[in-house]
Structures are given as structure tokens and as C-alpha cells.
Amino acid sequence: MYNIRIAETQDAEAIARVHVRCWRECYPYLPSGLLELRNYDFRARQWASKLDHPANGATYVLDAPQGVVGFAHVCKNEDPEMPLADGELHACYFLPEFRRLPAGPQMMLTLLDYVEAKSWSSFCVWAWKKNPIRRTYAAIGLRPVVRRDRHIEGFQASEIGYYCDDISKIRTRVEKSITQLERRGGQVRNRQYSQDRLRPIFLHSGRGQQ
């Protein structure tokens, strides 16, 4: 079992470092100017603000002996192009050595716990169209329902919105993936990861997480 806990204000800088590193490693297809704008200073301010004013959402971090090695954020959905979704699984990133381990699905279960605790019956997830990890969303039961071009400060990239209104089905499939990873000895296999081959568990916002 991994140490997943609610983020505190002092975690903002660590979350920002993970966020910036994952964007630069895993989204080489995004405009370089956008990656430069979403630098450490921007992310540190962004996460300090979110943690100081959580509003209708929660941020979780994955702790390891070396510190925060991953994080995720879930919030109330406010995207007008996804009107049926109550919540949004907003972002989820891990450093390379913690990807393709049970940590990812366990974080997903934590987010689902939050969704159900808020009595939300549905949620959405946004992913860049070129992000190969989005195939995982369909595999666990989310449906692609929106395709659009996202504009951020003069830059553009295509993204896809996924929707779920059967949380119990998603939970069952995520729990099954944990069992499969544990049976395959995921931690042993992951020590031999190839950075060029792996991608993060990624939940990207279509609206606020820019």
C-alpha cells in the first residue's frame, strides 16, 4: 500500500516540480512556447493558490522516502462543454519510477472515494488527443464524448473529454488492475523502465488545469 494523503499548503513546491517535469517529459508534442510558460514559477503559484483555497475540490499527494513523487486533483466540474458531469478528475502525475505500479490505480480509487463522498454520480476526464494513455480510460469504462481544440495563451492543442456515469464499474475495473499489477510484480518490472516508453497516469483538465 502506498502512502497517499491529502495535500497541505507546504506541498505546493513539490507538486509544482512533479507537474513541470511530467509535462516536459511526456508532452513533447505540445507547443514549446506553452511548455515554457508552464514553468516552475507558474506551477508553484498555481498550486499554492489551489491549496490555500480548495473550494469544491481536493488535492492528494503520493509520499515516498524522497518526498512527494506524485499528485492528483479532483474537483467539481464547471466545464460547459461537459454539462452532465458532476465532478472532474482534474490531474494525476507520477515521477517515472512510480508509473505502471499499483500507485496509479490506488490514487484513482482515492479520487473515486472523494467523488462518492460528495454524492456526485458522474465525472469527466480530459486528455490531449496525442496522449496515448487515454486508451486506458476507455479500457476502464469511460466514454469519449467531446472533441475540441484547446486554446491556452495563443497556443492550441486538441483534446478529448471522457465521461462516466457508472462509478461502481470503474471502481471494479481499477481494483482488478491493482490485482493484476501486484501479480505481475510491478515494482520489480518498473525498475527497468524506459523513460521514452512510459507515460504518466494523466488526468488533464479541459478548463482550469492549464
Foldseek 3Di string as FASTA:
>chain_A
DFDKDFDALVCQLVALVQVLVQCVLQCPVFPPVVSVVSHSVVSSVVSNVCRVPVDFKTKMFTADPVGTFKIWIKGADDDPVPVLFGIERAKIWGHQLPAPALVLLVVVVVNLVSCVVVVTQKYKFKDFPPRVCVVVVVVQPWAFDDWDWADDPRTITIMTMTMDRHSVSSNVSSVVSNVVRVVVVVNVVSVPDDSNPDHTPTGHDRPDRD
